[in-house]
Amino acid sequence: MAKFQLHLFTCVNTREDGDARGCCSARGAGEVATDLKRKLYARGFKRVVRANKCQCLDQCAFGPVVVVYPEGVWYGKVTPEDVDEIIEKHIEGGEVVERLVIPEDQLTGLENGTQNS
């Protein structure tokens, strides 16, 4: 079976009103996810690059969040206006859209090899 070359995961998580972290859904993530999928298909990436909606990626302060795998590039505060640039520069051109990258030291995951106490 053929594999996708890339996966783009867009957080569309919804939190209760008043949650201090907010949520990607309330910040327009649904439109970002829909636009990514539609525009990737229109550019011939169907079954080559997979755009998926997902639940919480634990980067709420940077929402809407899109992560590109297997590269592990995390984009934050993505808007529908950013979708074309992500596709043109990153997916087609292989160039990371630096202005949208969440800095490594601000990602909330654990370093490799560390565990919760």
PDB file of N, CA and C in Angstrom:
ATOM      1  N   MET A   1       0.835  -1.177   0.000  1.00  0.00           N
ATOM      2  CA  MET A   1       0.000   0.000   0.000  1.00  0.00           C
ATOM      3  C   MET A   1       0.885   1.247   0.000  1.00  0.00           C
ATOM      4  N   ALA A   2       0.527   2.212  -0.800  1.00  0.00           N
ATOM      5  CA  ALA A   2       1.272   3.470  -0.859  1.00  0.00           C
ATOM      6  C   ALA A   2       1.048   4.277   0.416  1.00  0.00           C
ATOM      7  N   LYS A   3       2.069   5.035   0.806  1.00  0.00           N
ATOM      8  CA  LYS A   3       1.989   5.886   1.991  1.00  0.00           C
ATOM      9  C   LYS A   3       1.874   7.342   1.563  1.00  0.00           C
ATOM     10  N   PHE A   4       1.249   8.134   2.427  1.00  0.00           N
ATOM     11  CA  PHE A   4       1.239   9.573   2.201  1.00  0.00           C
ATOM     12  C   PHE A   4       2.650  10.103   2.427  1.00  0.00           C
ATOM     13  N   GLN A   5       3.034  11.118   1.667  1.00  0.00           N
ATOM     14  CA  GLN A   5       4.346  11.731   1.861  1.00  0.00           C
ATOM     15  C   GLN A   5       4.357  12.612   3.104  1.00  0.00           C
ATOM     16  N   LEU A   6       3.260  13.321   3.328  1.00  0.00           N
ATOM     17  CA  LEU A   6       3.139  14.212   4.482  1.00  0.00           C
ATOM     18  C   LEU A   6       1.738  14.111   5.066  1.00  0.00           C
ATOM     19  N   HIS A   7       1.657  14.400   6.349  1.00  0.00           N
ATOM     20  CA  HIS A   7       0.369  14.550   7.035  1.00  0.00           C
ATOM     21  C   HIS A   7       0.348  15.936   7.653  1.00  0.00           C
ATOM     22  N   LEU A   8      -0.766  16.635   7.482  1.00  0.00           N
ATOM     23  CA  LEU A   8      -0.978  17.912   8.148  1.00  0.00           C
ATOM     24  C   LEU A   8      -2.134  17.723   9.121  1.00  0.00           C
ATOM     25  N   PHE A   9      -1.870  17.940  10.394  1.00  0.00           N
ATOM     26  CA  PHE A   9      -2.899  17.817  11.414  1.00  0.00           C
ATOM     27  C   PHE A   9      -3.283  19.210  11.891  1.00  0.00           C
ATOM     28  N   THR A  10      -4.563  19.524  11.805  1.00  0.00           N
ATOM     29  CA  THR A  10      -5.080  20.804  12.289  1.00  0.00           C
ATOM     30  C   THR A  10      -5.924  20.544  13.515  1.00  0.00           C
ATOM     31  N   CYS A  11      -5.552  21.163  14.626  1.00  0.00           N
ATOM     32  CA  CYS A  11      -6.326  21.022  15.854  1.00  0.00           C
ATOM     33  C   CYS A  11      -7.650  21.761  15.680  1.00  0.00           C
ATOM     34  N   VAL A  12      -8.746  21.065  15.925  1.00  0.00           N
ATOM     35  CA  VAL A  12     -10.078  21.671  15.894  1.00  0.00           C
ATOM     36  C   VAL A  12     -10.775  21.461  17.242  1.00  0.00           C
ATOM     37  N   ASN A  13      -9.972  21.293  18.278  1.00  0.00           N
ATOM     38  CA  ASN A  13     -10.506  21.023  19.612  1.00  0.00           C
ATOM     39  C   ASN A  13     -11.412  22.159  20.093  1.00  0.00           C
ATOM     40  N   THR A  14     -12.440  21.777  20.838  1.00  0.00           N
ATOM     41  CA  THR A  14     -13.374  22.725  21.431  1.00  0.00           C
ATOM     42  C   THR A  14     -13.325  22.586  22.943  1.00  0.00           C
ATOM     43  N   ARG A  15     -13.197  23.695  23.627  1.00  0.00           N
ATOM     44  CA  ARG A  15     -13.235  23.727  25.086  1.00  0.00           C
ATOM     45  C   ARG A  15     -14.471  24.501  25.533  1.00  0.00           C
ATOM     46  N   GLU A  16     -14.815  24.336  26.783  1.00  0.00           N
ATOM     47  CA  GLU A  16     -15.956  25.063  27.332  1.00  0.00           C
ATOM     48  C   GLU A  16     -15.666  26.559  27.344  1.00  0.00           C
ATOM     49  N   ASP A  17     -16.712  27.352  27.176  1.00  0.00           N
ATOM     50  CA  ASP A  17     -16.569  28.807  27.272  1.00  0.00           C
ATOM     51  C   ASP A  17     -15.929  29.163  28.602  1.00  0.00           C
ATOM     52  N   GLY A  18     -15.045  30.119  28.570  1.00  0.00           N
ATOM     53  CA  GLY A  18     -14.395  30.576  29.792  1.00  0.00           C
ATOM     54  C   GLY A  18     -13.122  29.844  30.155  1.00  0.00           C
ATOM     55  N   ASP A  19     -12.778  28.777  29.429  1.00  0.00           N
ATOM     56  CA  ASP A  19     -11.527  28.070  29.701  1.00  0.00           C
ATOM     57  C   ASP A  19     -10.373  29.021  29.402  1.00  0.00           C
ATOM     58  N   ALA A  20      -9.469  29.175  30.342  1.00  0.00           N
ATOM     59  CA  ALA A  20      -8.366  30.134  30.210  1.00  0.00           C
ATOM     60  C   ALA A  20      -7.468  29.849  29.002  1.00  0.00           C
ATOM     61  N   ARG A  21      -7.369  28.584  28.609  1.00  0.00           N
ATOM     62  CA  ARG A  21      -6.514  28.231  27.472  1.00  0.00           C
ATOM     63  C   ARG A  21      -7.146  28.584  26.140  1.00  0.00           C
ATOM     64  N   GLY A  22      -8.459  28.756  26.130  1.00  0.00           N
ATOM     65  CA  GLY A  22      -9.152  28.951  24.869  1.00  0.00           C
ATOM     66  C   GLY A  22      -9.130  27.672  24.060  1.00  0.00           C
ATOM     67  N   CYS A  23      -9.507  27.754  22.802  1.00  0.00           N
ATOM     68  CA  CYS A  23      -9.465  26.556  21.959  1.00  0.00           C
ATOM     69  C   CYS A  23      -9.277  26.942  20.502  1.00  0.00           C
ATOM     70  N   CYS A  24      -8.703  26.035  19.770  1.00  0.00           N
ATOM     71  CA  CYS A  24      -8.433  26.280  18.351  1.00  0.00           C
ATOM     72  C   CYS A  24      -9.734  26.456  17.569  1.00  0.00           C
ATOM     73  N   SER A  25     -10.747  25.701  17.925  1.00  0.00           N
ATOM     74  CA  SER A  25     -12.013  25.777  17.212  1.00  0.00           C
ATOM     75  C   SER A  25     -12.593  27.189  17.238  1.00  0.00           C
ATOM     76  N   ALA A  26     -12.586  27.808  18.394  1.00  0.00           N
ATOM     77  CA  ALA A  26     -13.141  29.157  18.533  1.00  0.00           C
ATOM     78  C   ALA A  26     -12.306  30.196  17.793  1.00  0.00           C
ATOM     79  N   ARG A  27     -11.085  29.848  17.444  1.00  0.00           N
ATOM     80  CA  ARG A  27     -10.186  30.781  16.749  1.00  0.00           C
ATOM     81  C   ARG A  27     -10.158  30.543  15.239  1.00  0.00           C
ATOM     82  N   GLY A  28     -11.087  29.739  14.732  1.00  0.00           N
ATOM     83  CA  GLY A  28     -11.201  29.564  13.285  1.00  0.00           C
ATOM     84  C   GLY A  28     -10.518  28.353  12.697  1.00  0.00           C
ATOM     85  N   ALA A  29     -10.180  27.365  13.533  1.00  0.00           N
ATOM     86  CA  ALA A  29      -9.449  26.195  13.046  1.00  0.00           C
ATOM     87  C   ALA A  29     -10.244  25.367  12.041  1.00  0.00           C
ATOM     88  N   GLY A  30     -11.553  25.340  12.183  1.00  0.00           N
ATOM     89  CA  GLY A  30     -12.371  24.565  11.248  1.00  0.00           C
ATOM     90  C   GLY A  30     -12.207  25.052   9.822  1.00  0.00           C
ATOM     91  N   GLU A  31     -12.198  26.359   9.648  1.00  0.00           N
ATOM     92  CA  GLU A  31     -12.015  26.934   8.319  1.00  0.00           C
ATOM     93  C   GLU A  31     -10.606  26.656   7.791  1.00  0.00           C
ATOM     94  N   VAL A  32      -9.600  26.731   8.671  1.00  0.00           N
ATOM     95  CA  VAL A  32      -8.221  26.420   8.271  1.00  0.00           C
ATOM     96  C   VAL A  32      -8.142  24.978   7.777  1.00  0.00           C
ATOM     97  N   ALA A  33      -8.716  24.046   8.538  1.00  0.00           N
ATOM     98  CA  ALA A  33      -8.667  22.628   8.173  1.00  0.00           C
ATOM     99  C   ALA A  33      -9.376  22.369   6.848  1.00  0.00           C
ATOM    100  N   THR A  34     -10.543  22.966   6.677  1.00  0.00           N
ATOM    101  CA  THR A  34     -11.310  22.798   5.437  1.00  0.00           C
ATOM    102  C   THR A  34     -10.546  23.369   4.246  1.00  0.00           C
ATOM    103  N   ASP A  35      -9.980  24.557   4.421  1.00  0.00           N
ATOM    104  CA  ASP A  35      -9.223  25.183   3.336  1.00  0.00           C
ATOM    105  C   ASP A  35      -7.986  24.367   2.971  1.00  0.00           C
ATOM    106  N   LEU A  36      -7.269  23.862   3.969  1.00  0.00           N
ATOM    107  CA  LEU A  36      -6.083  23.046   3.678  1.00  0.00           C
ATOM    108  C   LEU A  36      -6.454  21.849   2.809  1.00  0.00           C
ATOM    109  N   LYS A  37      -7.469  21.120   3.221  1.00  0.00           N
ATOM    110  CA  LYS A  37      -7.861  19.922   2.478  1.00  0.00           C
ATOM    111  C   LYS A  37      -8.319  20.280   1.059  1.00  0.00           C
ATOM    112  N   ARG A  38      -9.187  21.262   0.950  1.00  0.00           N
ATOM    113  CA  ARG A  38      -9.732  21.655  -0.353  1.00  0.00           C
ATOM    114  C   ARG A  38      -8.622  22.134  -1.288  1.00  0.00           C
ATOM    115  N   LYS A  39      -7.736  22.957  -0.786  1.00  0.00           N
ATOM    116  CA  LYS A  39      -6.689  23.533  -1.635  1.00  0.00           C
ATOM    117  C   LYS A  39      -5.599  22.511  -1.973  1.00  0.00           C
ATOM    118  N   LEU A  40      -5.306  21.608  -1.060  1.00  0.00           N
ATOM    119  CA  LEU A  40      -4.355  20.540  -1.388  1.00  0.00           C
ATOM    120  C   LEU A  40      -4.905  19.660  -2.498  1.00  0.00           C
ATOM    121  N   TYR A  41      -6.174  19.291  -2.407  1.00  0.00           N
ATOM    122  CA  TYR A  41      -6.801  18.478  -3.457  1.00  0.00           C
ATOM    123  C   TYR A  41      -6.785  19.208  -4.796  1.00  0.00           C
ATOM    124  N   ALA A  42      -7.103  20.508  -4.746  1.00  0.00           N
ATOM    125  CA  ALA A  42      -7.146  21.303  -5.983  1.00  0.00           C
ATOM    126  C   ALA A  42      -5.780  21.389  -6.659  1.00  0.00           C
ATOM    127  N   ARG A  43      -4.713  21.264  -5.882  1.00  0.00           N
ATOM    128  CA  ARG A  43      -3.355  21.343  -6.437  1.00  0.00           C
ATOM    129  C   ARG A  43      -2.771  19.963  -6.742  1.00  0.00           C
ATOM    130  N   GLY A  44      -3.615  18.936  -6.679  1.00  0.00           N
ATOM    131  CA  GLY A  44      -3.192  17.600  -7.074  1.00  0.00           C
ATOM    132  C   GLY A  44      -2.533  16.770  -5.988  1.00  0.00           C
ATOM    133  N   PHE A  45      -2.710  17.138  -4.737  1.00  0.00           N
ATOM    134  CA  PHE A  45      -2.071  16.405  -3.641  1.00  0.00           C
ATOM    135  C   PHE A  45      -2.946  15.328  -3.006  1.00  0.00           C
ATOM    136  N   LYS A  46      -4.124  15.068  -3.575  1.00  0.00           N
ATOM    137  CA  LYS A  46      -4.980  14.016  -3.021  1.00  0.00           C
ATOM    138  C   LYS A  46      -4.224  12.691  -3.054  1.00  0.00           C
ATOM    139  N   ARG A  47      -4.220  11.992  -1.950  1.00  0.00           N
ATOM    140  CA  ARG A  47      -3.534  10.710  -1.743  1.00  0.00           C
ATOM    141  C   ARG A  47      -2.016  10.838  -1.750  1.00  0.00           C
ATOM    142  N   VAL A  48      -1.513  12.064  -1.702  1.00  0.00           N
ATOM    143  CA  VAL A  48      -0.080  12.313  -1.595  1.00  0.00           C
ATOM    144  C   VAL A  48       0.212  12.988  -0.259  1.00  0.00           C
ATOM    145  N   VAL A  49      -0.554  14.040   0.027  1.00  0.00           N
ATOM    146  CA  VAL A  49      -0.470  14.764   1.291  1.00  0.00           C
ATOM    147  C   VAL A  49      -1.845  14.683   1.936  1.00  0.00           C
ATOM    148  N   ARG A  50      -1.886  14.270   3.183  1.00  0.00           N
ATOM    149  CA  ARG A  50      -3.163  14.091   3.882  1.00  0.00           C
ATOM    150  C   ARG A  50      -3.373  15.209   4.890  1.00  0.00           C
ATOM    151  N   ALA A  51      -4.472  15.933   4.740  1.00  0.00           N
ATOM    152  CA  ALA A  51      -4.863  16.964   5.698  1.00  0.00           C
ATOM    153  C   ALA A  51      -5.923  16.366   6.616  1.00  0.00           C
ATOM    154  N   ASN A  52      -5.619  16.336   7.908  1.00  0.00           N
ATOM    155  CA  ASN A  52      -6.522  15.748   8.897  1.00  0.00           C
ATOM    156  C   ASN A  52      -6.912  16.759   9.951  1.00  0.00           C
ATOM    157  N   LYS A  53      -8.142  16.640  10.429  1.00  0.00           N
ATOM    158  CA  LYS A  53      -8.567  17.370  11.620  1.00  0.00           C
ATOM    159  C   LYS A  53      -8.211  16.481  12.801  1.00  0.00           C
ATOM    160  N   CYS A  54      -7.828  17.106  13.905  1.00  0.00           N
ATOM    161  CA  CYS A  54      -7.532  16.328  15.100  1.00  0.00           C
ATOM    162  C   CYS A  54      -7.988  17.089  16.333  1.00  0.00           C
ATOM    163  N   GLN A  55      -7.964  16.424  17.450  1.00  0.00           N
ATOM    164  CA  GLN A  55      -8.293  17.048  18.719  1.00  0.00           C
ATOM    165  C   GLN A  55      -7.042  17.710  19.277  1.00  0.00           C
ATOM    166  N   CYS A  56      -7.054  18.019  20.529  1.00  0.00           N
ATOM    167  CA  CYS A  56      -6.043  18.864  21.156  1.00  0.00           C
ATOM    168  C   CYS A  56      -4.603  18.401  20.893  1.00  0.00           C
ATOM    169  N   LEU A  57      -3.786  19.339  20.439  1.00  0.00           N
ATOM    170  CA  LEU A  57      -2.351  19.117  20.252  1.00  0.00           C
ATOM    171  C   LEU A  57      -1.547  19.737  21.399  1.00  0.00           C
ATOM    172  N   ASP A  58      -2.249  20.247  22.405  1.00  0.00           N
ATOM    173  CA  ASP A  58      -1.650  20.792  23.631  1.00  0.00           C
ATOM    174  C   ASP A  58      -0.777  22.015  23.381  1.00  0.00           C
ATOM    175  N   GLN A  59      -1.157  22.807  22.396  1.00  0.00           N
ATOM    176  CA  GLN A  59      -0.448  24.054  22.095  1.00  0.00           C
ATOM    177  C   GLN A  59      -1.473  25.194  22.052  1.00  0.00           C
ATOM    178  N   CYS A  60      -2.384  25.188  23.006  1.00  0.00           N
ATOM    179  CA  CYS A  60      -3.560  26.062  22.989  1.00  0.00           C
ATOM    180  C   CYS A  60      -3.232  27.546  22.858  1.00  0.00           C
ATOM    181  N   ALA A  61      -2.159  27.990  23.457  1.00  0.00           N
ATOM    182  CA  ALA A  61      -1.793  29.409  23.400  1.00  0.00           C
ATOM    183  C   ALA A  61      -1.456  29.851  21.984  1.00  0.00           C
ATOM    184  N   PHE A  62      -1.188  28.909  21.092  1.00  0.00           N
ATOM    185  CA  PHE A  62      -0.772  29.225  19.731  1.00  0.00           C
ATOM    186  C   PHE A  62      -1.846  28.905  18.690  1.00  0.00           C
ATOM    187  N   GLY A  63      -3.051  28.598  19.130  1.00  0.00           N
ATOM    188  CA  GLY A  63      -4.088  28.151  18.216  1.00  0.00           C
ATOM    189  C   GLY A  63      -4.569  29.219  17.256  1.00  0.00           C
ATOM    190  N   PRO A  64      -5.059  28.772  16.118  1.00  0.00           N
ATOM    191  CA  PRO A  64      -5.096  27.429  15.567  1.00  0.00           C
ATOM    192  C   PRO A  64      -3.693  26.904  15.228  1.00  0.00           C
ATOM    193  N   VAL A  65      -3.531  25.618  15.492  1.00  0.00           N
ATOM    194  CA  VAL A  65      -2.242  24.957  15.304  1.00  0.00           C
ATOM    195  C   VAL A  65      -2.341  23.936  14.175  1.00  0.00           C
ATOM    196  N   VAL A  66      -1.302  23.917  13.325  1.00  0.00           N
ATOM    197  CA  VAL A  66      -1.150  22.910  12.271  1.00  0.00           C
ATOM    198  C   VAL A  66       0.233  22.313  12.442  1.00  0.00           C
ATOM    199  N   VAL A  67       0.320  20.981  12.469  1.00  0.00           N
ATOM    200  CA  VAL A  67       1.621  20.323  12.550  1.00  0.00           C
ATOM    201  C   VAL A  67       1.808  19.455  11.311  1.00  0.00           C
ATOM    202  N   VAL A  68       3.000  19.505  10.738  1.00  0.00           N
ATOM    203  CA  VAL A  68       3.336  18.757   9.531  1.00  0.00           C
ATOM    204  C   VAL A  68       4.242  17.595   9.929  1.00  0.00           C
ATOM    205  N   TYR A  69       3.795  16.385   9.599  1.00  0.00           N
ATOM    206  CA  TYR A  69       4.594  15.185   9.853  1.00  0.00           C
ATOM    207  C   TYR A  69       4.860  14.470   8.553  1.00  0.00           C
ATOM    208  N   PRO A  70       6.013  13.803   8.437  1.00  0.00           N
ATOM    209  CA  PRO A  70       6.925  13.404   9.500  1.00  0.00           C
ATOM    210  C   PRO A  70       7.955  14.451   9.883  1.00  0.00           C
ATOM    211  N   GLU A  71       7.899  15.639   9.311  1.00  0.00           N
ATOM    212  CA  GLU A  71       8.923  16.651   9.567  1.00  0.00           C
ATOM    213  C   GLU A  71       8.877  17.224  10.980  1.00  0.00           C
ATOM    214  N   GLY A  72       7.705  17.213  11.601  1.00  0.00           N
ATOM    215  CA  GLY A  72       7.583  17.761  12.945  1.00  0.00           C
ATOM    216  C   GLY A  72       7.644  19.278  12.983  1.00  0.00           C
ATOM    217  N   VAL A  73       7.117  19.930  11.955  1.00  0.00           N
ATOM    218  CA  VAL A  73       7.067  21.392  11.918  1.00  0.00           C
ATOM    219  C   VAL A  73       5.734  21.831  12.505  1.00  0.00           C
ATOM    220  N   TRP A  74       5.789  22.684  13.532  1.00  0.00           N
ATOM    221  CA  TRP A  74       4.598  23.163  14.232  1.00  0.00           C
ATOM    222  C   TRP A  74       4.332  24.614  13.843  1.00  0.00           C
ATOM    223  N   TYR A  75       3.155  24.842  13.270  1.00  0.00           N
ATOM    224  CA  TYR A  75       2.729  26.191  12.914  1.00  0.00           C
ATOM    225  C   TYR A  75       1.656  26.655  13.892  1.00  0.00           C
ATOM    226  N   GLY A  76       1.753  27.917  14.319  1.00  0.00           N
ATOM    227  CA  GLY A  76       0.789  28.464  15.256  1.00  0.00           C
ATOM    228  C   GLY A  76       0.134  29.729  14.751  1.00  0.00           C
ATOM    229  N   LYS A  77      -1.044  29.987  15.335  1.00  0.00           N
ATOM    230  CA  LYS A  77      -1.851  31.168  14.988  1.00  0.00           C
ATOM    231  C   LYS A  77      -2.125  31.214  13.486  1.00  0.00           C
ATOM    232  N   VAL A  78      -2.395  30.030  12.928  1.00  0.00           N
ATOM    233  CA  VAL A  78      -2.647  29.893  11.496  1.00  0.00           C
ATOM    234  C   VAL A  78      -4.053  30.401  11.181  1.00  0.00           C
ATOM    235  N   THR A  79      -4.152  31.200  10.135  1.00  0.00           N
ATOM    236  CA  THR A  79      -5.441  31.709   9.682  1.00  0.00           C
ATOM    237  C   THR A  79      -5.728  31.166   8.286  1.00  0.00           C
ATOM    238  N   PRO A  80      -6.963  31.277   7.833  1.00  0.00           N
ATOM    239  CA  PRO A  80      -7.254  30.857   6.456  1.00  0.00           C
ATOM    240  C   PRO A  80      -6.383  31.588   5.429  1.00  0.00           C
ATOM    241  N   GLU A  81      -5.987  32.815   5.730  1.00  0.00           N
ATOM    242  CA  GLU A  81      -5.136  33.571   4.821  1.00  0.00           C
ATOM    243  C   GLU A  81      -3.730  32.980   4.712  1.00  0.00           C
ATOM    244  N   ASP A  82      -3.323  32.159   5.685  1.00  0.00           N
ATOM    245  CA  ASP A  82      -1.993  31.542   5.684  1.00  0.00           C
ATOM    246  C   ASP A  82      -1.925  30.241   4.898  1.00  0.00           C
ATOM    247  N   VAL A  83      -3.071  29.670   4.575  1.00  0.00           N
ATOM    248  CA  VAL A  83      -3.116  28.340   3.961  1.00  0.00           C
ATOM    249  C   VAL A  83      -2.363  28.291   2.633  1.00  0.00           C
ATOM    250  N   ASP A  84      -2.603  29.260   1.756  1.00  0.00           N
ATOM    251  CA  ASP A  84      -1.907  29.252   0.460  1.00  0.00           C
ATOM    252  C   ASP A  84      -0.394  29.310   0.639  1.00  0.00           C
ATOM    253  N   GLU A  85       0.064  30.125   1.586  1.00  0.00           N
ATOM    254  CA  GLU A  85       1.511  30.245   1.818  1.00  0.00           C
ATOM    255  C   GLU A  85       2.094  28.932   2.331  1.00  0.00           C
ATOM    256  N   ILE A  86       1.390  28.267   3.231  1.00  0.00           N
ATOM    257  CA  ILE A  86       1.868  26.965   3.734  1.00  0.00           C
ATOM    258  C   ILE A  86       1.969  25.966   2.590  1.00  0.00           C
ATOM    259  N   ILE A  87       0.950  25.929   1.747  1.00  0.00           N
ATOM    260  CA  ILE A  87       0.974  24.983   0.627  1.00  0.00           C
ATOM    261  C   ILE A  87       2.073  25.348  -0.373  1.00  0.00           C
ATOM    262  N   GLU A  88       2.134  26.611  -0.766  1.00  0.00           N
ATOM    263  CA  GLU A  88       3.104  27.018  -1.778  1.00  0.00           C
ATOM    264  C   GLU A  88       4.544  26.891  -1.287  1.00  0.00           C
ATOM    265  N   LYS A  89       4.816  27.417  -0.096  1.00  0.00           N
ATOM    266  CA  LYS A  89       6.201  27.409   0.396  1.00  0.00           C
ATOM    267  C   LYS A  89       6.602  26.052   0.954  1.00  0.00           C
ATOM    268  N   HIS A  90       5.796  25.490   1.839  1.00  0.00           N
ATOM    269  CA  HIS A  90       6.216  24.276   2.538  1.00  0.00           C
ATOM    270  C   HIS A  90       5.927  23.016   1.725  1.00  0.00           C
ATOM    271  N   ILE A  91       4.676  22.832   1.326  1.00  0.00           N
ATOM    272  CA  ILE A  91       4.303  21.575   0.667  1.00  0.00           C
ATOM    273  C   ILE A  91       4.897  21.490  -0.739  1.00  0.00           C
ATOM    274  N   GLU A  92       4.772  22.544  -1.503  1.00  0.00           N
ATOM    275  CA  GLU A  92       5.294  22.522  -2.874  1.00  0.00           C
ATOM    276  C   GLU A  92       6.781  22.856  -2.934  1.00  0.00           C
ATOM    277  N   GLY A  93       7.220  23.810  -2.108  1.00  0.00           N
ATOM    278  CA  GLY A  93       8.595  24.300  -2.217  1.00  0.00           C
ATOM    279  C   GLY A  93       9.574  23.729  -1.216  1.00  0.00           C
ATOM    280  N   GLY A  94       9.091  23.025  -0.194  1.00  0.00           N
ATOM    281  CA  GLY A  94       9.981  22.443   0.796  1.00  0.00           C
ATOM    282  C   GLY A  94      10.589  23.440   1.766  1.00  0.00           C
ATOM    283  N   GLU A  95      10.028  24.647   1.818  1.00  0.00           N
ATOM    284  CA  GLU A  95      10.555  25.708   2.675  1.00  0.00           C
ATOM    285  C   GLU A  95       9.591  25.966   3.829  1.00  0.00           C
ATOM    286  N   VAL A  96      10.092  25.917   5.045  1.00  0.00           N
ATOM    287  CA  VAL A  96       9.269  26.163   6.223  1.00  0.00           C
ATOM    288  C   VAL A  96       8.843  27.634   6.248  1.00  0.00           C
ATOM    289  N   VAL A  97       7.593  27.881   6.621  1.00  0.00           N
ATOM    290  CA  VAL A  97       7.072  29.245   6.747  1.00  0.00           C
ATOM    291  C   VAL A  97       7.454  29.741   8.143  1.00  0.00           C
ATOM    292  N   GLU A  98       8.635  30.321   8.234  1.00  0.00           N
ATOM    293  CA  GLU A  98       9.241  30.669   9.524  1.00  0.00           C
ATOM    294  C   GLU A  98       8.370  31.572  10.394  1.00  0.00           C
ATOM    295  N   ARG A  99       7.649  32.503   9.802  1.00  0.00           N
ATOM    296  CA  ARG A  99       6.861  33.442  10.593  1.00  0.00           C
ATOM    297  C   ARG A  99       5.730  32.767  11.370  1.00  0.00           C
ATOM    298  N   LEU A 100       5.362  31.548  10.976  1.00  0.00           N
ATOM    299  CA  LEU A 100       4.286  30.821  11.652  1.00  0.00           C
ATOM    300  C   LEU A 100       4.796  29.728  12.596  1.00  0.00           C
ATOM    301  N   VAL A 101       6.084  29.461  12.582  1.00  0.00           N
ATOM    302  CA  VAL A 101       6.635  28.360  13.388  1.00  0.00           C
ATOM    303  C   VAL A 101       6.535  28.678  14.878  1.00  0.00           C
ATOM    304  N   ILE A 102       6.066  27.688  15.640  1.00  0.00           N
ATOM    305  CA  ILE A 102       6.080  27.800  17.093  1.00  0.00           C
ATOM    306  C   ILE A 102       7.503  27.441  17.528  1.00  0.00           C
ATOM    307  N   PRO A 103       8.197  28.351  18.206  1.00  0.00           N
ATOM    308  CA  PRO A 103       9.578  28.059  18.619  1.00  0.00           C
ATOM    309  C   PRO A 103       9.657  26.801  19.491  1.00  0.00           C
ATOM    310  N   GLU A 104      10.694  26.011  19.255  1.00  0.00           N
ATOM    311  CA  GLU A 104      10.892  24.751  19.985  1.00  0.00           C
ATOM    312  C   GLU A 104      10.788  24.928  21.500  1.00  0.00           C
ATOM    313  N   ASP A 105      11.377  26.010  22.016  1.00  0.00           N
ATOM    314  CA  ASP A 105      11.387  26.207  23.458  1.00  0.00           C
ATOM    315  C   ASP A 105      10.028  26.619  24.018  1.00  0.00           C
ATOM    316  N   GLN A 106       9.044  26.834  23.134  1.00  0.00           N
ATOM    317  CA  GLN A 106       7.705  27.187  23.579  1.00  0.00           C
ATOM    318  C   GLN A 106       6.691  26.070  23.392  1.00  0.00           C
ATOM    319  N   LEU A 107       7.095  24.976  22.746  1.00  0.00           N
ATOM    320  CA  LEU A 107       6.216  23.812  22.631  1.00  0.00           C
ATOM    321  C   LEU A 107       6.053  23.181  24.004  1.00  0.00           C
ATOM    322  N   THR A 108       4.876  22.655  24.273  1.00  0.00           N
ATOM    323  CA  THR A 108       4.593  22.173  25.616  1.00  0.00           C
ATOM    324  C   THR A 108       4.888  20.694  25.836  1.00  0.00           C
ATOM    325  N   GLY A 109       5.390  19.985  24.845  1.00  0.00           N
ATOM    326  CA  GLY A 109       5.708  18.576  25.012  1.00  0.00           C
ATOM    327  C   GLY A 109       6.969  18.366  25.835  1.00  0.00           C
ATOM    328  N   LEU A 110       7.194  17.124  26.228  1.00  0.00           N
ATOM    329  CA  LEU A 110       8.397  16.759  26.985  1.00  0.00           C
ATOM    330  C   LEU A 110       9.548  16.475  26.029  1.00  0.00           C
ATOM    331  N   GLU A 111      10.755  16.707  26.491  1.00  0.00           N
ATOM    332  CA  GLU A 111      11.944  16.347  25.713  1.00  0.00           C
ATOM    333  C   GLU A 111      11.993  14.823  25.581  1.00  0.00           C
ATOM    334  N   ASN A 112      12.613  14.346  24.521  1.00  0.00           N
ATOM    335  CA  ASN A 112      12.780  12.892  24.345  1.00  0.00           C
ATOM    336  C   ASN A 112      13.468  12.299  25.562  1.00  0.00           C
ATOM    337  N   GLY A 113      12.946  11.188  26.031  1.00  0.00           N
ATOM    338  CA  GLY A 113      13.586  10.470  27.129  1.00  0.00           C
ATOM    339  C   GLY A 113      13.165  10.947  28.513  1.00  0.00           C
ATOM    340  N   THR A 114      12.387  12.024  28.626  1.00  0.00           N
ATOM    341  CA  THR A 114      11.923  12.467  29.945  1.00  0.00           C
ATOM    342  C   THR A 114      10.502  11.986  30.161  1.00  0.00           C
ATOM    343  N   GLN A 115      10.142  11.840  31.386  1.00  0.00           N
ATOM    344  CA  GLN A 115       8.807  11.356  31.744  1.00  0.00           C
ATOM    345  C   GLN A 115       8.223  12.233  32.830  1.00  0.00           C
ATOM    346  N   ASN A 116       6.893  12.171  32.931  1.00  0.00           N
ATOM    347  CA  ASN A 116       6.231  12.875  34.025  1.00  0.00           C
ATOM    348  C   ASN A 116       6.605  12.247  35.352  1.00  0.00           C
ATOM    349  N   SER A 117       6.766  13.051  36.364  1.00  0.00           N
ATOM    350  CA  SER A 117       7.075  12.526  37.697  1.00  0.00           C
ATOM    351  C   SER A 117       5.819  12.166  38.418  1.00  0.00           C
TER     352      SER A 117
END
